[in-house]
Structures are given as structure tokens and as C-alpha cells.
Amino acid sequence: MTMPVQPADPRPVPPRPPEPGDCCGSGCAVCIHDLYNGALERYEKQLSAWLARHPGEKR
């Protein structure tokens, strides 16, 4: 069985947003929304860098 070849520089994948019921609403020190926003910021930076390496690609 052969495995599919992965590209050497794959496009970053955006984080999955939290579902409506994922936040408990109790004011946690680190809320699921905080974690998502951090992941989204990292994704945006990774995507910008990837687009700079792949100028023909669209945002």
C-alpha cells in the first residue's frame, strides 16, 4: 500500500472555530475563545508567510 505524497510546503489550515456550546460562560482564566483567537493569530501569520513563498496563490 502506498501513501499519498504530501507537498513539501502545504498551505496552513485554519483552526476550527469553537462550537456555540463549547464555552461554559463561567469566566475561565483561559476561555476556549481565547485559545481560538490565539490559534487564529498564529494561522494568519503562517498563512502570510506561506503566501509570500507562493506568490501565485490567493488568500
PDB file of N, CA and C in Angstrom:
ATOM      1  N   MET A   1       0.845  -1.179   0.000  1.00  0.00           N
ATOM      2  CA  MET A   1       0.000   0.000   0.000  1.00  0.00           C
ATOM      3  C   MET A   1       0.890   1.242   0.000  1.00  0.00           C
ATOM      4  N   THR A   2       0.627   2.158  -0.901  1.00  0.00           N
ATOM      5  CA  THR A   2       1.414   3.384  -0.965  1.00  0.00           C
ATOM      6  C   THR A   2       0.640   4.530  -0.338  1.00  0.00           C
ATOM      7  N   MET A   3       1.382   5.388   0.325  1.00  0.00           N
ATOM      8  CA  MET A   3       0.784   6.554   0.954  1.00  0.00           C
ATOM      9  C   MET A   3       0.811   7.711  -0.044  1.00  0.00           C
ATOM     10  N   PRO A   4      -0.209   8.584  -0.022  1.00  0.00           N
ATOM     11  CA  PRO A   4      -0.187   9.735  -0.917  1.00  0.00           C
ATOM     12  C   PRO A   4       0.985  10.652  -0.581  1.00  0.00           C
ATOM     13  N   VAL A   5       1.560  11.249  -1.597  1.00  0.00           N
ATOM     14  CA  VAL A   5       2.687  12.154  -1.403  1.00  0.00           C
ATOM     15  C   VAL A   5       2.159  13.488  -0.880  1.00  0.00           C
ATOM     16  N   GLN A   6       2.768  13.957   0.199  1.00  0.00           N
ATOM     17  CA  GLN A   6       2.392  15.232   0.790  1.00  0.00           C
ATOM     18  C   GLN A   6       3.265  16.323   0.179  1.00  0.00           C
ATOM     19  N   PRO A   7       2.689  17.498  -0.115  1.00  0.00           N
ATOM     20  CA  PRO A   7       3.511  18.587  -0.631  1.00  0.00           C
ATOM     21  C   PRO A   7       4.559  19.001   0.397  1.00  0.00           C
ATOM     22  N   ALA A   8       5.711  19.460  -0.089  1.00  0.00           N
ATOM     23  CA  ALA A   8       6.808  19.854   0.800  1.00  0.00           C
ATOM     24  C   ALA A   8       6.450  21.069   1.653  1.00  0.00           C
ATOM     25  N   ASP A   9       5.570  21.914   1.149  1.00  0.00           N
ATOM     26  CA  ASP A   9       5.209  23.143   1.863  1.00  0.00           C
ATOM     27  C   ASP A   9       3.686  23.319   1.777  1.00  0.00           C
ATOM     28  N   PRO A  10       2.937  22.529   2.552  1.00  0.00           N
ATOM     29  CA  PRO A  10       1.469  22.610   2.448  1.00  0.00           C
ATOM     30  C   PRO A  10       0.932  23.937   2.973  1.00  0.00           C
ATOM     31  N   ARG A  11      -0.199  24.344   2.417  1.00  0.00           N
ATOM     32  CA  ARG A  11      -0.878  25.562   2.858  1.00  0.00           C
ATOM     33  C   ARG A  11      -1.370  25.363   4.294  1.00  0.00           C
ATOM     34  N   PRO A  12      -1.189  26.359   5.162  1.00  0.00           N
ATOM     35  CA  PRO A  12      -1.694  26.233   6.537  1.00  0.00           C
ATOM     36  C   PRO A  12      -3.212  26.037   6.551  1.00  0.00           C
ATOM     37  N   VAL A  13      -3.664  25.315   7.547  1.00  0.00           N
ATOM     38  CA  VAL A  13      -5.093  25.033   7.705  1.00  0.00           C
ATOM     39  C   VAL A  13      -5.629  25.900   8.842  1.00  0.00           C
ATOM     40  N   PRO A  14      -6.739  26.618   8.609  1.00  0.00           N
ATOM     41  CA  PRO A  14      -7.265  27.475   9.680  1.00  0.00           C
ATOM     42  C   PRO A  14      -7.791  26.641  10.846  1.00  0.00           C
ATOM     43  N   PRO A  15      -7.737  27.217  12.052  1.00  0.00           N
ATOM     44  CA  PRO A  15      -8.275  26.489  13.203  1.00  0.00           C
ATOM     45  C   PRO A  15      -9.799  26.404  13.117  1.00  0.00           C
ATOM     46  N   ARG A  16     -10.334  25.367  13.713  1.00  0.00           N
ATOM     47  CA  ARG A  16     -11.787  25.190  13.742  1.00  0.00           C
ATOM     48  C   ARG A  16     -12.350  26.093  14.836  1.00  0.00           C
ATOM     49  N   PRO A  17     -13.323  26.940  14.475  1.00  0.00           N
ATOM     50  CA  PRO A  17     -13.905  27.817  15.497  1.00  0.00           C
ATOM     51  C   PRO A  17     -14.657  27.012  16.560  1.00  0.00           C
ATOM     52  N   PRO A  18     -14.739  27.547  17.764  1.00  0.00           N
ATOM     53  CA  PRO A  18     -15.480  26.848  18.817  1.00  0.00           C
ATOM     54  C   PRO A  18     -16.966  26.728  18.440  1.00  0.00           C
ATOM     55  N   GLU A  19     -17.553  25.659  18.861  1.00  0.00           N
ATOM     56  CA  GLU A  19     -18.994  25.452  18.678  1.00  0.00           C
ATOM     57  C   GLU A  19     -19.726  26.330  19.692  1.00  0.00           C
ATOM     58  N   PRO A  20     -20.991  26.666  19.432  1.00  0.00           N
ATOM     59  CA  PRO A  20     -21.741  27.532  20.357  1.00  0.00           C
ATOM     60  C   PRO A  20     -21.732  27.045  21.815  1.00  0.00           C
ATOM     61  N   GLY A  21     -21.750  25.763  22.057  1.00  0.00           N
ATOM     62  CA  GLY A  21     -21.798  25.257  23.423  1.00  0.00           C
ATOM     63  C   GLY A  21     -20.444  24.972  24.039  1.00  0.00           C
ATOM     64  N   ASP A  22     -19.339  25.289  23.326  1.00  0.00           N
ATOM     65  CA  ASP A  22     -18.007  24.978  23.844  1.00  0.00           C
ATOM     66  C   ASP A  22     -17.604  25.857  25.022  1.00  0.00           C
ATOM     67  N   CYS A  23     -18.105  27.084  25.077  1.00  0.00           N
ATOM     68  CA  CYS A  23     -17.776  27.989  26.175  1.00  0.00           C
ATOM     69  C   CYS A  23     -18.776  27.748  27.308  1.00  0.00           C
ATOM     70  N   CYS A  24     -18.243  27.586  28.522  1.00  0.00           N
ATOM     71  CA  CYS A  24     -19.129  27.330  29.662  1.00  0.00           C
ATOM     72  C   CYS A  24     -19.712  28.621  30.231  1.00  0.00           C
ATOM     73  N   GLY A  25     -19.128  29.784  29.862  1.00  0.00           N
ATOM     74  CA  GLY A  25     -19.655  31.057  30.316  1.00  0.00           C
ATOM     75  C   GLY A  25     -19.340  31.400  31.758  1.00  0.00           C
ATOM     76  N   SER A  26     -18.386  30.679  32.365  1.00  0.00           N
ATOM     77  CA  SER A  26     -18.097  30.933  33.775  1.00  0.00           C
ATOM     78  C   SER A  26     -16.913  31.870  33.987  1.00  0.00           C
ATOM     79  N   GLY A  27     -16.403  32.468  32.916  1.00  0.00           N
ATOM     80  CA  GLY A  27     -15.307  33.420  33.059  1.00  0.00           C
ATOM     81  C   GLY A  27     -13.969  32.771  33.341  1.00  0.00           C
ATOM     82  N   CYS A  28     -13.699  31.664  32.706  1.00  0.00           N
ATOM     83  CA  CYS A  28     -12.422  30.960  32.898  1.00  0.00           C
ATOM     84  C   CYS A  28     -11.250  31.886  32.595  1.00  0.00           C
ATOM     85  N   ALA A  29     -10.135  31.650  33.271  1.00  0.00           N
ATOM     86  CA  ALA A  29      -8.923  32.446  33.037  1.00  0.00           C
ATOM     87  C   ALA A  29      -8.489  32.334  31.579  1.00  0.00           C
ATOM     88  N   VAL A  30      -8.585  31.147  31.019  1.00  0.00           N
ATOM     89  CA  VAL A  30      -8.270  30.924  29.610  1.00  0.00           C
ATOM     90  C   VAL A  30      -9.495  30.276  28.980  1.00  0.00           C
ATOM     91  N   CYS A  31     -10.285  31.091  28.312  1.00  0.00           N
ATOM     92  CA  CYS A  31     -11.525  30.627  27.688  1.00  0.00           C
ATOM     93  C   CYS A  31     -11.219  29.955  26.348  1.00  0.00           C
ATOM     94  N   ILE A  32     -12.091  29.097  25.910  1.00  0.00           N
ATOM     95  CA  ILE A  32     -11.962  28.446  24.612  1.00  0.00           C
ATOM     96  C   ILE A  32     -11.855  29.493  23.502  1.00  0.00           C
ATOM     97  N   HIS A  33     -12.509  30.621  23.684  1.00  0.00           N
ATOM     98  CA  HIS A  33     -12.429  31.696  22.692  1.00  0.00           C
ATOM     99  C   HIS A  33     -11.032  32.336  22.684  1.00  0.00           C
ATOM    100  N   ASP A  34     -10.392  32.428  23.852  1.00  0.00           N
ATOM    101  CA  ASP A  34      -9.018  32.930  23.921  1.00  0.00           C
ATOM    102  C   ASP A  34      -8.080  31.983  23.171  1.00  0.00           C
ATOM    103  N   LEU A  35      -8.268  30.697  23.383  1.00  0.00           N
ATOM    104  CA  LEU A  35      -7.435  29.700  22.702  1.00  0.00           C
ATOM    105  C   LEU A  35      -7.637  29.771  21.190  1.00  0.00           C
ATOM    106  N   TYR A  36      -8.889  29.906  20.776  1.00  0.00           N
ATOM    107  CA  TYR A  36      -9.186  30.008  19.345  1.00  0.00           C
ATOM    108  C   TYR A  36      -8.563  31.269  18.750  1.00  0.00           C
ATOM    109  N   ASN A  37      -8.703  32.400  19.430  1.00  0.00           N
ATOM    110  CA  ASN A  37      -8.138  33.653  18.918  1.00  0.00           C
ATOM    111  C   ASN A  37      -6.619  33.568  18.785  1.00  0.00           C
ATOM    112  N   GLY A  38      -5.964  32.915  19.739  1.00  0.00           N
ATOM    113  CA  GLY A  38      -4.515  32.711  19.644  1.00  0.00           C
ATOM    114  C   GLY A  38      -4.159  31.832  18.458  1.00  0.00           C
ATOM    115  N   ALA A  39      -4.923  30.758  18.265  1.00  0.00           N
ATOM    116  CA  ALA A  39      -4.688  29.861  17.133  1.00  0.00           C
ATOM    117  C   ALA A  39      -4.942  30.590  15.816  1.00  0.00           C
ATOM    118  N   LEU A  40      -5.940  31.456  15.785  1.00  0.00           N
ATOM    119  CA  LEU A  40      -6.262  32.208  14.578  1.00  0.00           C
ATOM    120  C   LEU A  40      -5.141  33.203  14.249  1.00  0.00           C
ATOM    121  N   GLU A  41      -4.584  33.849  15.258  1.00  0.00           N
ATOM    122  CA  GLU A  41      -3.456  34.764  15.044  1.00  0.00           C
ATOM    123  C   GLU A  41      -2.249  34.003  14.483  1.00  0.00           C
ATOM    124  N   ARG A  42      -1.945  32.814  15.049  1.00  0.00           N
ATOM    125  CA  ARG A  42      -0.828  32.007  14.547  1.00  0.00           C
ATOM    126  C   ARG A  42      -1.080  31.577  13.110  1.00  0.00           C
ATOM    127  N   TYR A  43      -2.320  31.181  12.816  1.00  0.00           N
ATOM    128  CA  TYR A  43      -2.679  30.784  11.454  1.00  0.00           C
ATOM    129  C   TYR A  43      -2.480  31.933  10.473  1.00  0.00           C
ATOM    130  N   GLU A  44      -2.920  33.134  10.835  1.00  0.00           N
ATOM    131  CA  GLU A  44      -2.784  34.300   9.949  1.00  0.00           C
ATOM    132  C   GLU A  44      -1.311  34.580   9.652  1.00  0.00           C
ATOM    133  N   LYS A  45      -0.446  34.471  10.663  1.00  0.00           N
ATOM    134  CA  LYS A  45       0.986  34.671  10.447  1.00  0.00           C
ATOM    135  C   LYS A  45       1.554  33.583   9.546  1.00  0.00           C
ATOM    136  N   GLN A  46       1.164  32.341   9.804  1.00  0.00           N
ATOM    137  CA  GLN A  46       1.644  31.233   8.980  1.00  0.00           C
ATOM    138  C   GLN A  46       1.152  31.379   7.539  1.00  0.00           C
ATOM    139  N   LEU A  47      -0.097  31.801   7.364  1.00  0.00           N
ATOM    140  CA  LEU A  47      -0.654  31.975   6.029  1.00  0.00           C
ATOM    141  C   LEU A  47       0.063  33.100   5.287  1.00  0.00           C
ATOM    142  N   SER A  48       0.325  34.205   5.964  1.00  0.00           N
ATOM    143  CA  SER A  48       1.043  35.314   5.335  1.00  0.00           C
ATOM    144  C   SER A  48       2.423  34.872   4.868  1.00  0.00           C
ATOM    145  N   ALA A  49       3.129  34.133   5.709  1.00  0.00           N
ATOM    146  CA  ALA A  49       4.458  33.631   5.340  1.00  0.00           C
ATOM    147  C   ALA A  49       4.351  32.652   4.172  1.00  0.00           C
ATOM    148  N   TRP A  50       3.346  31.792   4.197  1.00  0.00           N
ATOM    149  CA  TRP A  50       3.159  30.816   3.128  1.00  0.00           C
ATOM    150  C   TRP A  50       2.839  31.522   1.818  1.00  0.00           C
ATOM    151  N   LEU A  51       1.975  32.545   1.862  1.00  0.00           N
ATOM    152  CA  LEU A  51       1.624  33.294   0.657  1.00  0.00           C
ATOM    153  C   LEU A  51       2.842  34.020   0.088  1.00  0.00           C
ATOM    154  N   ALA A  52       3.735  34.485   0.966  1.00  0.00           N
ATOM    155  CA  ALA A  52       4.958  35.132   0.490  1.00  0.00           C
ATOM    156  C   ALA A  52       5.830  34.130  -0.263  1.00  0.00           C
ATOM    157  N   ARG A  53       5.782  32.859   0.147  1.00  0.00           N
ATOM    158  CA  ARG A  53       6.558  31.819  -0.528  1.00  0.00           C
ATOM    159  C   ARG A  53       5.857  31.298  -1.774  1.00  0.00           C
ATOM    160  N   HIS A  54       4.552  31.555  -1.883  1.00  0.00           N
ATOM    161  CA  HIS A  54       3.735  31.088  -3.003  1.00  0.00           C
ATOM    162  C   HIS A  54       2.962  32.281  -3.569  1.00  0.00           C
ATOM    163  N   PRO A  55       3.654  33.204  -4.252  1.00  0.00           N
ATOM    164  CA  PRO A  55       3.008  34.459  -4.689  1.00  0.00           C
ATOM    165  C   PRO A  55       1.851  34.279  -5.642  1.00  0.00           C
ATOM    166  N   GLY A  56       1.726  33.159  -6.331  1.00  0.00           N
ATOM    167  CA  GLY A  56       0.623  32.958  -7.262  1.00  0.00           C
ATOM    168  C   GLY A  56      -0.665  32.509  -6.598  1.00  0.00           C
ATOM    169  N   GLU A  57      -0.624  32.195  -5.315  1.00  0.00           N
ATOM    170  CA  GLU A  57      -1.804  31.697  -4.600  1.00  0.00           C
ATOM    171  C   GLU A  57      -2.652  32.853  -4.087  1.00  0.00           C
ATOM    172  N   LYS A  58      -3.933  32.563  -3.915  1.00  0.00           N
ATOM    173  CA  LYS A  58      -4.873  33.573  -3.384  1.00  0.00           C
ATOM    174  C   LYS A  58      -5.066  33.367  -1.890  1.00  0.00           C
ATOM    175  N   ARG A  59      -5.399  34.443  -1.211  1.00  0.00           N
ATOM    176  CA  ARG A  59      -5.672  34.416   0.229  1.00  0.00           C
ATOM    177  C   ARG A  59      -6.848  33.582   0.491  1.00  0.00           C
TER     178      ARG A  59
END
